[in-house]
PDB file of N, CA and C in Angstrom:
ATOM      1  N   MET A   1      38.214 161.987 -47.078  1.00  0.00           N
ATOM      2  CA  MET A   1      37.471 163.610 -47.029  1.00  0.00           C
ATOM      3  C   MET A   1      36.876 163.809 -45.429  1.00  0.00           C
ATOM      4  N   ARG A   2      36.779 164.955 -45.141  1.00  0.00           N
ATOM      5  CA  ARG A   2      36.740 164.955 -43.584  1.00  0.00           C
ATOM      6  C   ARG A   2      35.006 165.384 -43.609  1.00  0.00           C
ATOM      7  N   ALA A   3      34.570 164.813 -42.494  1.00  0.00           N
ATOM      8  CA  ALA A   3      33.311 164.458 -42.186  1.00  0.00           C
ATOM      9  C   ALA A   3      32.351 166.039 -43.031  1.00  0.00           C
ATOM     10  N   TRP A   4      33.414 167.095 -42.546  1.00  0.00           N
ATOM     11  CA  TRP A   4      32.658 168.518 -42.944  1.00  0.00           C
ATOM     12  C   TRP A   4      32.489 168.536 -44.328  1.00  0.00           C
ATOM     13  N   GLY A   5      33.337 168.284 -45.138  1.00  0.00           N
ATOM     14  CA  GLY A   5      34.070 168.188 -47.012  1.00  0.00           C
ATOM     15  C   GLY A   5      32.745 167.404 -47.257  1.00  0.00           C
ATOM     16  N   LYS A   6      32.461 166.256 -46.563  1.00  0.00           N
ATOM     17  CA  LYS A   6      31.515 165.638 -47.548  1.00  0.00           C
ATOM     18  C   LYS A   6      29.785 166.512 -47.127  1.00  0.00           C
ATOM     19  N   GLN A   7      29.686 166.586 -46.068  1.00  0.00           N
ATOM     20  CA  GLN A   7      28.368 167.629 -45.406  1.00  0.00           C
ATOM     21  C   GLN A   7      28.619 168.691 -46.589  1.00  0.00           C
ATOM     22  N   ILE A   8      29.174 169.418 -46.965  1.00  0.00           N
ATOM     23  CA  ILE A   8      29.252 170.609 -48.154  1.00  0.00           C
ATOM     24  C   ILE A   8      28.978 169.831 -49.861  1.00  0.00           C
ATOM     25  N   VAL A   9      29.598 168.571 -49.849  1.00  0.00           N
ATOM     26  CA  VAL A   9      29.158 167.954 -51.090  1.00  0.00           C
ATOM     27  C   VAL A   9      27.773 167.792 -51.411  1.00  0.00           C
ATOM     28  N   PHE A  10      27.505 167.025 -50.391  1.00  0.00           N
ATOM     29  CA  PHE A  10      25.922 166.544 -49.859  1.00  0.00           C
ATOM     30  C   PHE A  10      25.233 167.420 -50.319  1.00  0.00           C
ATOM     31  N   ALA A  11      25.440 168.847 -49.655  1.00  0.00           N
ATOM     32  CA  ALA A  11      24.677 170.123 -49.559  1.00  0.00           C
ATOM     33  C   ALA A  11      24.502 170.568 -51.030  1.00  0.00           C
ATOM     34  N   ALA A  12      25.507 170.445 -51.505  1.00  0.00           N
ATOM     35  CA  ALA A  12      25.752 171.405 -53.051  1.00  0.00           C
ATOM     36  C   ALA A  12      24.621 170.094 -54.047  1.00  0.00           C
ATOM     37  N   ILE A  13      25.227 168.862 -53.772  1.00  0.00           N
ATOM     38  CA  ILE A  13      24.074 168.064 -54.515  1.00  0.00           C
ATOM     39  C   ILE A  13      22.554 168.046 -54.222  1.00  0.00           C
ATOM     40  N   ILE A  14      22.694 168.617 -53.095  1.00  0.00           N
ATOM     41  CA  ILE A  14      20.853 168.396 -52.728  1.00  0.00           C
ATOM     42  C   ILE A  14      20.506 169.925 -53.352  1.00  0.00           C
ATOM     43  N   CYS A  15      21.205 171.094 -53.403  1.00  0.00           N
ATOM     44  CA  CYS A  15      20.804 172.188 -53.555  1.00  0.00           C
ATOM     45  C   CYS A  15      20.649 172.331 -55.185  1.00  0.00           C
ATOM     46  N   ALA A  16      21.435 171.504 -55.941  1.00  0.00           N
ATOM     47  CA  ALA A  16      21.514 171.396 -57.280  1.00  0.00           C
ATOM     48  C   ALA A  16      20.173 170.644 -57.776  1.00  0.00           C
ATOM     49  N   PHE A  17      19.582 169.813 -57.073  1.00  0.00           N
ATOM     50  CA  PHE A  17      18.470 168.921 -57.325  1.00  0.00           C
ATOM     51  C   PHE A  17      17.142 170.063 -57.100  1.00  0.00           C
ATOM     52  N   ALA A  18      17.271 170.357 -55.570  1.00  0.00           N
ATOM     53  CA  ALA A  18      16.187 171.188 -55.109  1.00  0.00           C
ATOM     54  C   ALA A  18      15.825 172.228 -56.346  1.00  0.00           C
ATOM     55  N   LEU A  19      17.264 172.830 -56.935  1.00  0.00           N
ATOM     56  CA  LEU A  19      17.241 173.805 -57.828  1.00  0.00           C
ATOM     57  C   LEU A  19      16.440 173.515 -59.471  1.00  0.00           C
ATOM     58  N   ALA A  20      16.782 172.446 -59.251  1.00  0.00           N
ATOM     59  CA  ALA A  20      16.426 171.537 -60.964  1.00  0.00           C
ATOM     60  C   ALA A  20      14.894 171.226 -60.947  1.00  0.00           C
ATOM     61  N   ILE A  21      14.682 170.850 -59.549  1.00  0.00           N
ATOM     62  CA  ILE A  21      13.258 170.502 -59.330  1.00  0.00           C
ATOM     63  C   ILE A  21      12.017 171.382 -59.438  1.00  0.00           C
ATOM     64  N   ASN A  22      12.419 172.475 -59.098  1.00  0.00           N
ATOM     65  CA  ASN A  22      11.358 173.279 -59.253  1.00  0.00           C
ATOM     66  C   ASN A  22      11.097 174.084 -60.337  1.00  0.00           C
ATOM     67  N   GLY A  23      12.220 174.208 -61.197  1.00  0.00           N
ATOM     68  CA  GLY A  23      11.920 174.235 -62.955  1.00  0.00           C
ATOM     69  C   GLY A  23      11.533 173.429 -63.876  1.00  0.00           C
ATOM     70  N   ARG A  24      11.598 172.270 -63.532  1.00  0.00           N
ATOM     71  CA  ARG A  24      11.705 171.359 -64.461  1.00  0.00           C
ATOM     72  C   ARG A  24      11.045 170.943 -65.784  1.00  0.00           C
ATOM     73  N   VAL A  25       9.653 171.477 -65.335  1.00  0.00           N
ATOM     74  CA  VAL A  25       8.630 171.276 -66.258  1.00  0.00           C
ATOM     75  C   VAL A  25       8.619 172.290 -67.496  1.00  0.00           C
ATOM     76  N   GLY A  26       8.560 171.370 -68.885  1.00  0.00           N
ATOM     77  CA  GLY A  26       8.808 172.054 -70.197  1.00  0.00           C
ATOM     78  C   GLY A  26       9.877 172.987 -70.668  1.00  0.00           C
ATOM     79  N   ARG A  27      10.775 172.060 -69.554  1.00  0.00           N
ATOM     80  CA  ARG A  27      12.594 172.530 -70.373  1.00  0.00           C
ATOM     81  C   ARG A  27      13.058 171.613 -71.673  1.00  0.00           C
ATOM     82  N   THR A  28      12.506 170.893 -71.575  1.00  0.00           N
ATOM     83  CA  THR A  28      12.957 169.653 -73.109  1.00  0.00           C
ATOM     84  C   THR A  28      12.561 170.330 -74.404  1.00  0.00           C
ATOM     85  N   ALA A  29      11.866 171.397 -74.184  1.00  0.00           N
ATOM     86  CA  ALA A  29      11.517 171.699 -75.578  1.00  0.00           C
ATOM     87  C   ALA A  29      12.478 172.173 -76.589  1.00  0.00           C
ATOM     88  N   SER A  30      13.256 172.520 -76.244  1.00  0.00           N
ATOM     89  CA  SER A  30      14.676 172.835 -77.274  1.00  0.00           C
ATOM     90  C   SER A  30      15.383 171.414 -77.558  1.00  0.00           C
ATOM     91  N   TRP A  31      15.422 170.380 -76.725  1.00  0.00           N
ATOM     92  CA  TRP A  31      16.196 169.187 -77.395  1.00  0.00           C
ATOM     93  C   TRP A  31      15.549 168.525 -78.117  1.00  0.00           C
ATOM     94  N   LYS A  32      16.163 167.925 -79.265  1.00  0.00           N
ATOM     95  CA  LYS A  32      15.700 166.623 -80.063  1.00  0.00           C
ATOM     96  C   LYS A  32      16.432 165.446 -79.678  1.00  0.00           C
ATOM     97  N   ILE A  33      15.670 164.474 -79.820  1.00  0.00           N
ATOM     98  CA  ILE A  33      16.382 163.269 -79.923  1.00  0.00           C
ATOM     99  C   ILE A  33      17.549 163.074 -81.489  1.00  0.00           C
ATOM    100  N   GLY A  34      18.575 162.684 -80.951  1.00  0.00           N
ATOM    101  CA  GLY A  34      19.696 162.693 -81.824  1.00  0.00           C
ATOM    102  C   GLY A  34      20.535 164.056 -82.153  1.00  0.00           C
ATOM    103  N   ASP A  35      20.259 165.115 -80.683  1.00  0.00           N
ATOM    104  CA  ASP A  35      20.662 166.402 -80.827  1.00  0.00           C
ATOM    105  C   ASP A  35      22.292 166.070 -79.856  1.00  0.00           C
ATOM    106  N   THR A  36      22.933 166.576 -79.993  1.00  0.00           N
ATOM    107  CA  THR A  36      24.750 166.413 -78.991  1.00  0.00           C
ATOM    108  C   THR A  36      24.618 167.668 -78.504  1.00  0.00           C
ATOM    109  N   ALA A  37      24.948 167.260 -76.871  1.00  0.00           N
ATOM    110  CA  ALA A  37      24.795 168.192 -75.646  1.00  0.00           C
ATOM    111  C   ALA A  37      25.972 168.278 -75.217  1.00  0.00           C
ATOM    112  N   ARG A  38      26.370 168.822 -74.342  1.00  0.00           N
ATOM    113  CA  ARG A  38      27.467 168.942 -72.994  1.00  0.00           C
ATOM    114  C   ARG A  38      27.021 169.114 -71.797  1.00  0.00           C
ATOM    115  N   VAL A  39      27.676 168.265 -71.033  1.00  0.00           N
ATOM    116  CA  VAL A  39      26.868 168.991 -69.383  1.00  0.00           C
ATOM    117  C   VAL A  39      27.776 169.389 -69.174  1.00  0.00           C
ATOM    118  N   THR A  40      26.917 170.653 -68.443  1.00  0.00           N
ATOM    119  CA  THR A  40      26.906 171.720 -67.558  1.00  0.00           C
ATOM    120  C   THR A  40      27.214 171.692 -66.374  1.00  0.00           C
ATOM    121  N   GLY A  41      28.570 172.047 -65.320  1.00  0.00           N
ATOM    122  CA  GLY A  41      28.476 171.965 -64.318  1.00  0.00           C
ATOM    123  C   GLY A  41      28.774 170.877 -63.333  1.00  0.00           C
ATOM    124  N   SER A  42      28.843 170.282 -62.280  1.00  0.00           N
ATOM    125  CA  SER A  42      29.210 169.513 -61.713  1.00  0.00           C
ATOM    126  C   SER A  42      28.080 168.677 -61.117  1.00  0.00           C
ATOM    127  N   ASN A  43      28.289 167.456 -60.445  1.00  0.00           N
ATOM    128  CA  ASN A  43      27.825 166.812 -59.527  1.00  0.00           C
ATOM    129  C   ASN A  43      26.378 166.409 -60.070  1.00  0.00           C
ATOM    130  N   TRP A  44      26.099 166.483 -61.498  1.00  0.00           N
ATOM    131  CA  TRP A  44      24.677 165.883 -61.855  1.00  0.00           C
ATOM    132  C   TRP A  44      24.432 164.275 -61.799  1.00  0.00           C
ATOM    133  N   ILE A  45      23.243 164.121 -61.523  1.00  0.00           N
ATOM    134  CA  ILE A  45      23.510 162.088 -61.233  1.00  0.00           C
ATOM    135  C   ILE A  45      22.450 162.162 -62.123  1.00  0.00           C
ATOM    136  N   GLY A  46      22.847 161.099 -63.244  1.00  0.00           N
ATOM    137  CA  GLY A  46      21.919 160.240 -63.792  1.00  0.00           C
ATOM    138  C   GLY A  46      21.691 158.928 -63.652  1.00  0.00           C
ATOM    139  N   CYS A  47      20.369 158.169 -63.939  1.00  0.00           N
ATOM    140  CA  CYS A  47      20.362 157.153 -63.791  1.00  0.00           C
ATOM    141  C   CYS A  47      19.442 156.445 -65.125  1.00  0.00           C
ATOM    142  N   LYS A  48      19.706 155.165 -65.017  1.00  0.00           N
ATOM    143  CA  LYS A  48      18.930 154.345 -65.670  1.00  0.00           C
ATOM    144  C   LYS A  48      17.430 154.261 -65.844  1.00  0.00           C
ATOM    145  N   ASP A  49      17.419 154.115 -64.788  1.00  0.00           N
ATOM    146  CA  ASP A  49      15.840 154.483 -64.721  1.00  0.00           C
ATOM    147  C   ASP A  49      15.222 155.311 -63.956  1.00  0.00           C
ATOM    148  N   LYS A  50      14.313 156.133 -64.868  1.00  0.00           N
ATOM    149  CA  LYS A  50      13.855 157.643 -64.338  1.00  0.00           C
ATOM    150  C   LYS A  50      13.295 157.126 -63.176  1.00  0.00           C
ATOM    151  N   ASP A  51      12.304 156.568 -62.530  1.00  0.00           N
ATOM    152  CA  ASP A  51      11.979 156.303 -61.581  1.00  0.00           C
ATOM    153  C   ASP A  51      12.753 156.668 -60.085  1.00  0.00           C
ATOM    154  N   ARG A  52      14.291 155.563 -60.357  1.00  0.00           N
ATOM    155  CA  ARG A  52      15.146 155.920 -59.477  1.00  0.00           C
ATOM    156  C   ARG A  52      15.864 157.500 -59.200  1.00  0.00           C
ATOM    157  N   LEU A  53      15.837 158.092 -60.503  1.00  0.00           N
ATOM    158  CA  LEU A  53      16.437 159.466 -60.440  1.00  0.00           C
ATOM    159  C   LEU A  53      15.140 160.491 -59.761  1.00  0.00           C
ATOM    160  N   ASP A  54      13.694 160.184 -60.019  1.00  0.00           N
ATOM    161  CA  ASP A  54      12.528 160.360 -59.456  1.00  0.00           C
ATOM    162  C   ASP A  54      12.589 160.709 -57.844  1.00  0.00           C
ATOM    163  N   LYS A  55      13.196 159.221 -57.534  1.00  0.00           N
ATOM    164  CA  LYS A  55      13.284 158.946 -56.163  1.00  0.00           C
ATOM    165  C   LYS A  55      13.808 159.598 -55.168  1.00  0.00           C
ATOM    166  N   LEU A  56      15.392 159.787 -56.243  1.00  0.00           N
ATOM    167  CA  LEU A  56      16.673 160.685 -55.726  1.00  0.00           C
ATOM    168  C   LEU A  56      15.952 162.495 -55.464  1.00  0.00           C
ATOM    169  N   ASN A  57      15.297 162.624 -56.712  1.00  0.00           N
ATOM    170  CA  ASN A  57      15.113 163.691 -56.509  1.00  0.00           C
ATOM    171  C   ASN A  57      13.872 164.179 -55.002  1.00  0.00           C
ATOM    172  N   GLU A  58      13.229 163.577 -55.087  1.00  0.00           N
ATOM    173  CA  GLU A  58      12.082 163.149 -54.369  1.00  0.00           C
ATOM    174  C   GLU A  58      12.986 163.331 -52.947  1.00  0.00           C
ATOM    175  N   TYR A  59      13.729 162.702 -52.374  1.00  0.00           N
ATOM    176  CA  TYR A  59      14.612 162.639 -50.939  1.00  0.00           C
ATOM    177  C   TYR A  59      15.346 163.870 -50.899  1.00  0.00           C
ATOM    178  N   ALA A  60      15.867 164.450 -51.715  1.00  0.00           N
ATOM    179  CA  ALA A  60      16.353 165.214 -51.901  1.00  0.00           C
ATOM    180  C   ALA A  60      15.650 166.931 -51.752  1.00  0.00           C
ATOM    181  N   HIS A  61      14.399 166.595 -52.391  1.00  0.00           N
ATOM    182  CA  HIS A  61      13.471 167.859 -52.164  1.00  0.00           C
ATOM    183  C   HIS A  61      12.765 167.251 -50.363  1.00  0.00           C
ATOM    184  N   GLN A  62      12.727 166.694 -50.062  1.00  0.00           N
ATOM    185  CA  GLN A  62      12.446 166.418 -48.610  1.00  0.00           C
ATOM    186  C   GLN A  62      13.242 166.940 -47.450  1.00  0.00           C
ATOM    187  N   HIS A  63      14.361 166.823 -48.178  1.00  0.00           N
ATOM    188  CA  HIS A  63      15.795 167.104 -47.213  1.00  0.00           C
ATOM    189  C   HIS A  63      16.099 166.161 -46.244  1.00  0.00           C
ATOM    190  N   ASP A  64      15.548 164.604 -46.671  1.00  0.00           N
ATOM    191  CA  ASP A  64      15.797 163.321 -45.898  1.00  0.00           C
ATOM    192  C   ASP A  64      17.441 162.832 -46.412  1.00  0.00           C
ATOM    193  N   GLU A  65      18.329 163.701 -46.098  1.00  0.00           N
ATOM    194  CA  GLU A  65      19.726 163.010 -45.998  1.00  0.00           C
ATOM    195  C   GLU A  65      19.996 161.663 -46.243  1.00  0.00           C
ATOM    196  N   LYS A  66      19.545 161.213 -45.417  1.00  0.00           N
ATOM    197  CA  LYS A  66      20.193 159.513 -44.688  1.00  0.00           C
ATOM    198  C   LYS A  66      19.779 158.732 -45.915  1.00  0.00           C
ATOM    199  N   ALA A  67      17.868 159.071 -46.674  1.00  0.00           N
ATOM    200  CA  ALA A  67      17.526 158.211 -47.866  1.00  0.00           C
ATOM    201  C   ALA A  67      18.318 158.667 -48.978  1.00  0.00           C
ATOM    202  N   PHE A  68      18.413 159.953 -49.378  1.00  0.00           N
ATOM    203  CA  PHE A  68      19.598 160.080 -50.166  1.00  0.00           C
ATOM    204  C   PHE A  68      20.551 159.854 -50.242  1.00  0.00           C
ATOM    205  N   LYS A  69      21.133 159.554 -49.302  1.00  0.00           N
ATOM    206  CA  LYS A  69      22.823 159.067 -49.265  1.00  0.00           C
ATOM    207  C   LYS A  69      22.871 157.564 -49.519  1.00  0.00           C
ATOM    208  N   ARG A  70      21.457 156.785 -49.125  1.00  0.00           N
ATOM    209  CA  ARG A  70      21.866 155.413 -48.862  1.00  0.00           C
ATOM    210  C   ARG A  70      21.105 154.600 -50.344  1.00  0.00           C
ATOM    211  N   LEU A  71      20.357 155.435 -51.062  1.00  0.00           N
ATOM    212  CA  LEU A  71      20.038 155.663 -52.127  1.00  0.00           C
ATOM    213  C   LEU A  71      20.761 155.448 -53.321  1.00  0.00           C
ATOM    214  N   LEU A  72      21.493 156.813 -53.182  1.00  0.00           N
ATOM    215  CA  LEU A  72      22.484 157.035 -53.911  1.00  0.00           C
ATOM    216  C   LEU A  72      23.584 156.107 -54.148  1.00  0.00           C
ATOM    217  N   ALA A  73      24.552 155.754 -52.552  1.00  0.00           N
ATOM    218  CA  ALA A  73      25.332 155.019 -52.642  1.00  0.00           C
ATOM    219  C   ALA A  73      25.398 153.549 -53.533  1.00  0.00           C
ATOM    220  N   HIS A  74      24.004 152.879 -53.052  1.00  0.00           N
ATOM    221  CA  HIS A  74      23.496 151.661 -53.863  1.00  0.00           C
ATOM    222  C   HIS A  74      23.652 152.039 -55.187  1.00  0.00           C
ATOM    223  N   SER A  75      22.572 152.987 -55.354  1.00  0.00           N
ATOM    224  CA  SER A  75      22.418 153.032 -56.999  1.00  0.00           C
ATOM    225  C   SER A  75      24.291 153.575 -57.831  1.00  0.00           C
ATOM    226  N   LEU A  76      25.037 154.050 -57.350  1.00  0.00           N
ATOM    227  CA  LEU A  76      26.252 154.296 -57.754  1.00  0.00           C
ATOM    228  C   LEU A  76      26.990 152.835 -57.924  1.00  0.00           C
ATOM    229  N   LEU A  77      26.979 152.221 -56.757  1.00  0.00           N
ATOM    230  CA  LEU A  77      27.704 150.563 -56.713  1.00  0.00           C
ATOM    231  C   LEU A  77      27.187 149.734 -57.653  1.00  0.00           C
ATOM    232  N   THR A  78      26.135 149.944 -57.909  1.00  0.00           N
ATOM    233  CA  THR A  78      25.553 148.971 -58.562  1.00  0.00           C
ATOM    234  C   THR A  78      25.479 149.511 -60.253  1.00  0.00           C
ATOM    235  N   GLY A  79      25.939 150.703 -60.643  1.00  0.00           N
ATOM    236  CA  GLY A  79      25.960 150.683 -61.847  1.00  0.00           C
ATOM    237  C   GLY A  79      24.840 151.487 -62.486  1.00  0.00           C
ATOM    238  N   GLU A  80      23.540 151.469 -61.195  1.00  0.00           N
ATOM    239  CA  GLU A  80      22.288 152.127 -61.921  1.00  0.00           C
ATOM    240  C   GLU A  80      22.405 153.397 -62.162  1.00  0.00           C
ATOM    241  N   CYS A  81      23.360 153.956 -61.137  1.00  0.00           N
ATOM    242  CA  CYS A  81      23.089 155.653 -61.679  1.00  0.00           C
ATOM    243  C   CYS A  81      24.975 156.007 -61.496  1.00  0.00           C
ATOM    244  N   ARG A  82      25.334 157.271 -62.334  1.00  0.00           N
ATOM    245  CA  ARG A  82      26.304 157.617 -62.231  1.00  0.00           C
ATOM    246  C   ARG A  82      26.684 159.121 -62.410  1.00  0.00           C
ATOM    247  N   PHE A  83      27.520 159.829 -62.063  1.00  0.00           N
ATOM    248  CA  PHE A  83      27.877 161.165 -61.517  1.00  0.00           C
ATOM    249  C   PHE A  83      28.278 161.785 -63.108  1.00  0.00           C
ATOM    250  N   PHE A  84      27.677 162.927 -63.684  1.00  0.00           N
ATOM    251  CA  PHE A  84      28.129 163.217 -64.804  1.00  0.00           C
ATOM    252  C   PHE A  84      29.186 164.450 -64.608  1.00  0.00           C
ATOM    253  N   LYS A  85      30.420 164.677 -65.258  1.00  0.00           N
ATOM    254  CA  LYS A  85      31.293 165.349 -65.470  1.00  0.00           C
ATOM    255  C   LYS A  85      31.122 166.587 -66.225  1.00  0.00           C
ATOM    256  N   SER A  86      31.280 167.728 -65.560  1.00  0.00           N
ATOM    257  CA  SER A  86      31.193 168.730 -66.432  1.00  0.00           C
ATOM    258  C   SER A  86      32.011 169.280 -67.972  1.00  0.00           C
ATOM    259  N   GLY A  87      31.469 169.143 -68.959  1.00  0.00           N
ATOM    260  CA  GLY A  87      32.164 169.079 -70.383  1.00  0.00           C
ATOM    261  C   GLY A  87      31.942 167.821 -70.981  1.00  0.00           C
ATOM    262  N   GLU A  88      31.375 166.729 -70.150  1.00  0.00           N
ATOM    263  CA  GLU A  88      31.257 165.522 -71.131  1.00  0.00           C
ATOM    264  C   GLU A  88      29.971 165.861 -72.066  1.00  0.00           C
ATOM    265  N   ILE A  89      30.599 164.813 -73.378  1.00  0.00           N
ATOM    266  CA  ILE A  89      29.623 165.295 -74.627  1.00  0.00           C
ATOM    267  C   ILE A  89      28.461 164.009 -74.579  1.00  0.00           C
ATOM    268  N   VAL A  90      27.348 164.700 -74.532  1.00  0.00           N
ATOM    269  CA  VAL A  90      26.331 163.071 -74.536  1.00  0.00           C
ATOM    270  C   VAL A  90      25.379 163.323 -75.886  1.00  0.00           C
ATOM    271  N   TYR A  91      24.948 162.362 -76.430  1.00  0.00           N
ATOM    272  CA  TYR A  91      24.143 162.288 -77.711  1.00  0.00           C
ATOM    273  C   TYR A  91      22.211 162.189 -76.500  1.00  0.00           C
ATOM    274  N   ILE A  92      21.355 162.731 -77.271  1.00  0.00           N
ATOM    275  CA  ILE A  92      20.148 162.717 -76.535  1.00  0.00           C
ATOM    276  C   ILE A  92      19.403 161.586 -77.612  1.00  0.00           C
ATOM    277  N   THR A  93      19.116 160.580 -76.377  1.00  0.00           N
ATOM    278  CA  THR A  93      18.196 159.647 -76.791  1.00  0.00           C
ATOM    279  C   THR A  93      16.969 159.606 -76.324  1.00  0.00           C
ATOM    280  N   ALA A  94      15.968 160.150 -75.796  1.00  0.00           N
ATOM    281  CA  ALA A  94      14.828 160.162 -75.222  1.00  0.00           C
ATOM    282  C   ALA A  94      14.617 161.390 -74.899  1.00  0.00           C
ATOM    283  N   LEU A  95      12.973 162.096 -74.613  1.00  0.00           N
ATOM    284  CA  LEU A  95      12.762 162.929 -73.749  1.00  0.00           C
ATOM    285  C   LEU A  95      11.490 163.091 -73.003  1.00  0.00           C
ATOM    286  N   SER A  96      11.339 163.453 -72.106  1.00  0.00           N
ATOM    287  CA  SER A  96      10.310 163.314 -70.857  1.00  0.00           C
ATOM    288  C   SER A  96       9.904 164.590 -70.849  1.00  0.00           C
ATOM    289  N   PHE A  97       8.615 164.934 -70.561  1.00  0.00           N
ATOM    290  CA  PHE A  97       7.540 166.109 -70.321  1.00  0.00           C
ATOM    291  C   PHE A  97       8.252 166.769 -69.185  1.00  0.00           C
ATOM    292  N   LEU A  98       8.397 165.791 -68.234  1.00  0.00           N
ATOM    293  CA  LEU A  98       8.861 166.549 -66.450  1.00  0.00           C
ATOM    294  C   LEU A  98       9.939 167.139 -66.850  1.00  0.00           C
ATOM    295  N   GLY A  99      10.907 167.207 -67.731  1.00  0.00           N
ATOM    296  CA  GLY A  99      12.201 167.828 -68.011  1.00  0.00           C
ATOM    297  C   GLY A  99      13.451 166.990 -67.633  1.00  0.00           C
ATOM    298  N   TYR A 100      13.226 165.899 -67.956  1.00  0.00           N
ATOM    299  CA  TYR A 100      13.837 164.900 -68.148  1.00  0.00           C
ATOM    300  C   TYR A 100      14.776 164.202 -69.295  1.00  0.00           C
ATOM    301  N   VAL A 101      15.866 164.108 -69.739  1.00  0.00           N
ATOM    302  CA  VAL A 101      16.412 163.837 -70.956  1.00  0.00           C
ATOM    303  C   VAL A 101      17.311 162.087 -70.627  1.00  0.00           C
ATOM    304  N   LYS A 102      16.849 161.813 -71.785  1.00  0.00           N
ATOM    305  CA  LYS A 102      17.869 160.680 -71.949  1.00  0.00           C
ATOM    306  C   LYS A 102      19.110 160.725 -72.513  1.00  0.00           C
ATOM    307  N   VAL A 103      20.312 160.366 -72.139  1.00  0.00           N
ATOM    308  CA  VAL A 103      21.486 160.459 -72.921  1.00  0.00           C
ATOM    309  C   VAL A 103      22.345 159.285 -72.586  1.00  0.00           C
ATOM    310  N   ARG A 104      23.507 159.602 -73.976  1.00  0.00           N
ATOM    311  CA  ARG A 104      24.420 158.461 -73.724  1.00  0.00           C
ATOM    312  C   ARG A 104      25.459 159.385 -74.219  1.00  0.00           C
ATOM    313  N   LEU A 105      26.706 158.909 -73.364  1.00  0.00           N
ATOM    314  CA  LEU A 105      27.969 159.388 -73.476  1.00  0.00           C
ATOM    315  C   LEU A 105      28.745 159.238 -74.615  1.00  0.00           C
ATOM    316  N   GLN A 106      29.166 159.946 -75.421  1.00  0.00           N
ATOM    317  CA  GLN A 106      30.211 159.568 -76.507  1.00  0.00           C
ATOM    318  C   GLN A 106      30.948 158.410 -76.310  1.00  0.00           C
ATOM    319  N   GLY A 107      30.562 157.816 -77.589  1.00  0.00           N
ATOM    320  CA  GLY A 107      31.533 156.365 -76.953  1.00  0.00           C
ATOM    321  C   GLY A 107      31.137 155.349 -76.141  1.00  0.00           C
ATOM    322  N   GLU A 108      30.109 155.401 -75.495  1.00  0.00           N
ATOM    323  CA  GLU A 108      29.199 154.360 -74.351  1.00  0.00           C
ATOM    324  C   GLU A 108      27.868 153.652 -75.401  1.00  0.00           C
ATOM    325  N   VAL A 109      27.710 152.762 -74.365  1.00  0.00           N
ATOM    326  CA  VAL A 109      26.242 152.394 -75.496  1.00  0.00           C
ATOM    327  C   VAL A 109      25.305 152.417 -73.731  1.00  0.00           C
ATOM    328  N   ASP A 110      25.613 152.822 -72.288  1.00  0.00           N
ATOM    329  CA  ASP A 110      24.653 152.601 -71.551  1.00  0.00           C
ATOM    330  C   ASP A 110      24.094 153.890 -71.776  1.00  0.00           C
ATOM    331  N   GLU A 111      22.769 153.998 -71.451  1.00  0.00           N
ATOM    332  CA  GLU A 111      21.777 155.379 -71.465  1.00  0.00           C
ATOM    333  C   GLU A 111      21.586 155.617 -70.068  1.00  0.00           C
ATOM    334  N   PHE A 112      21.427 157.254 -69.606  1.00  0.00           N
ATOM    335  CA  PHE A 112      20.916 157.392 -68.254  1.00  0.00           C
ATOM    336  C   PHE A 112      19.891 158.582 -68.496  1.00  0.00           C
ATOM    337  N   TRP A 113      19.119 158.653 -67.596  1.00  0.00           N
ATOM    338  CA  TRP A 113      18.318 159.807 -67.290  1.00  0.00           C
ATOM    339  C   TRP A 113      18.648 160.845 -66.609  1.00  0.00           C
ATOM    340  N   VAL A 114      18.998 162.198 -67.124  1.00  0.00           N
ATOM    341  CA  VAL A 114      19.454 163.277 -66.421  1.00  0.00           C
ATOM    342  C   VAL A 114      18.532 164.540 -66.327  1.00  0.00           C
ATOM    343  N   LEU A 115      18.648 165.305 -65.467  1.00  0.00           N
ATOM    344  CA  LEU A 115      17.374 166.657 -65.767  1.00  0.00           C
ATOM    345  C   LEU A 115      18.104 167.446 -66.963  1.00  0.00           C
ATOM    346  N   SER A 116      16.919 167.816 -67.402  1.00  0.00           N
ATOM    347  CA  SER A 116      17.563 168.910 -68.527  1.00  0.00           C
ATOM    348  C   SER A 116      18.480 170.124 -68.485  1.00  0.00           C
ATOM    349  N   GLN A 117      18.487 170.342 -67.120  1.00  0.00           N
ATOM    350  CA  GLN A 117      19.149 171.774 -66.674  1.00  0.00           C
ATOM    351  C   GLN A 117      20.837 171.043 -66.693  1.00  0.00           C
ATOM    352  N   ALA A 118      21.417 169.668 -66.726  1.00  0.00           N
ATOM    353  CA  ALA A 118      22.568 169.442 -66.823  1.00  0.00           C
ATOM    354  C   ALA A 118      23.187 169.635 -68.149  1.00  0.00           C
ATOM    355  N   LEU A 119      22.255 169.488 -69.038  1.00  0.00           N
ATOM    356  CA  LEU A 119      22.960 169.925 -69.845  1.00  0.00           C
ATOM    357  C   LEU A 119      22.708 171.686 -70.942  1.00  0.00           C
ATOM    358  N   THR A 120      24.039 171.595 -71.678  1.00  0.00           N
ATOM    359  CA  THR A 120      23.870 172.686 -73.043  1.00  0.00           C
ATOM    360  C   THR A 120      24.036 172.210 -74.384  1.00  0.00           C
ATOM    361  N   ALA A 121      23.484 173.247 -75.070  1.00  0.00           N
ATOM    362  CA  ALA A 121      23.548 173.170 -76.478  1.00  0.00           C
ATOM    363  C   ALA A 121      25.515 172.976 -76.762  1.00  0.00           C
ATOM    364  N   GLU A 122      25.737 171.595 -77.693  1.00  0.00           N
ATOM    365  CA  GLU A 122      27.000 171.396 -78.255  1.00  0.00           C
ATOM    366  C   GLU A 122      27.928 172.792 -78.918  1.00  0.00           C
TER     367      GLU A 122
END
């Protein structure tokens, strides 16, 4: 991928995080543990550890591209985080007041925290 293409992808991820961060409080009220949901849109990142996802959100909000890329690359390589694709079906396994939802992909055992805006009702 060309350098400008990578910058566009990074900018899209930063924009998605920044928009989600601004309105995340209180967004989990409609979800219940055990619900089935569908991932909406693309470039949503999920992490096994909510603190890791929080740190990525913090870097994105601060527009610290270098720190964001370093942490994201490390987290993707270690399997701590992953990208979710539009249309993937997930099960809700836990909820957080701050707008995070813990999900498990259909047929998988690993669980990841995502921003509630990444999901829509199945």
